[in-house]
């Protein structure tokens, strides 16, 4: 039987965002980090704004994770 939790824990997705002349590459999902962060909803959301990148697991409460620089 295939264990999906092991699959996601070993997964990593990179994302590159651009705003005007700014460019930032980041790990949009890294299983070892996000399996816990995305609980209890099992969803991960990113919001990109002029002042930085925000993370949420419910799309209601957003926490700034890092800036463009």
Protein backbone atom coordinates (compact mmCIF):
# COMPACT_ATOMS: atom_id res chain seq x y z
CA UNK A 1 0.00 0.00 0.00
CA UNK A 2 1.26 3.50 -0.87
CA UNK A 3 1.70 5.80 2.15
CA UNK A 4 0.76 9.31 0.96
CA UNK A 5 2.10 10.98 4.13
CA UNK A 6 5.60 9.73 3.31
CA UNK A 7 5.24 11.06 -0.24
CA UNK A 8 4.34 14.60 0.92
CA UNK A 9 7.03 14.65 3.61
CA UNK A 10 9.64 14.13 0.89
CA UNK A 11 8.15 16.69 -1.52
CA UNK A 12 9.40 20.20 -2.22
CA UNK A 13 7.96 22.84 -4.55
CA UNK A 14 9.85 25.99 -5.46
CA UNK A 15 8.22 29.20 -6.61
CA UNK A 16 9.66 32.37 -8.14
CA UNK A 17 7.69 35.60 -7.74
CA UNK A 18 8.36 38.93 -9.42
CA UNK A 19 7.13 42.42 -8.47
CA UNK A 20 8.43 45.30 -10.58
CA UNK A 21 12.23 44.83 -10.46
CA UNK A 22 12.15 42.57 -7.40
CA UNK A 23 12.42 38.82 -7.76
CA UNK A 24 12.31 36.22 -5.01
CA UNK A 25 12.57 32.44 -5.12
CA UNK A 26 11.23 30.50 -2.16
CA UNK A 27 10.12 27.06 -1.10
CA UNK A 28 6.34 27.19 -1.53
CA UNK A 29 6.06 23.74 0.01
CA UNK A 30 8.63 21.62 1.80
CA UNK A 31 7.16 18.51 3.34
CA UNK A 32 9.44 18.30 6.36
CA UNK A 33 8.49 21.89 7.29
CA UNK A 34 4.91 22.23 6.08
CA UNK A 35 3.25 18.96 7.03
CA UNK A 36 2.98 20.40 10.55
CA UNK A 37 2.35 24.02 9.49
CA UNK A 38 -0.58 23.05 7.26
CA UNK A 39 -2.41 21.14 10.00
CA UNK A 40 -5.21 20.88 11.04
CA UNK A 41 -6.74 21.94 7.69
CA UNK A 42 -4.17 20.11 5.54
CA UNK A 43 -4.06 23.24 3.35
CA UNK A 44 -1.19 25.66 2.77
CA UNK A 45 -1.74 29.13 1.35
CA UNK A 46 0.68 31.89 0.36
CA UNK A 47 -0.23 35.55 -0.06
CA UNK A 48 2.30 37.79 -1.79
CA UNK A 49 2.13 41.52 -1.08
CA UNK A 50 4.40 44.50 -1.69
CA UNK A 51 5.91 44.15 1.80
CA UNK A 52 6.50 40.41 1.74
CA UNK A 53 5.21 36.85 1.71
CA UNK A 54 2.52 35.63 4.10
CA UNK A 55 1.53 32.09 5.08
CA UNK A 56 -1.82 30.74 6.28
CA UNK A 57 -3.43 27.36 6.73
CA UNK A 58 -7.00 28.75 6.76
CA UNK A 59 -6.93 31.91 4.55
CA UNK A 60 -8.18 33.93 7.56
CA UNK A 61 -5.09 34.43 9.73
CA UNK A 62 -1.95 35.40 7.82
CA UNK A 63 1.56 35.44 9.23
CA UNK A 64 4.38 37.25 7.46
CA UNK A 65 7.03 34.69 6.69
CA UNK A 66 9.64 36.83 4.93
CA UNK A 67 10.25 40.04 2.98
CA UNK A 68 11.27 40.54 -0.64
CA UNK A 69 14.87 41.30 0.34
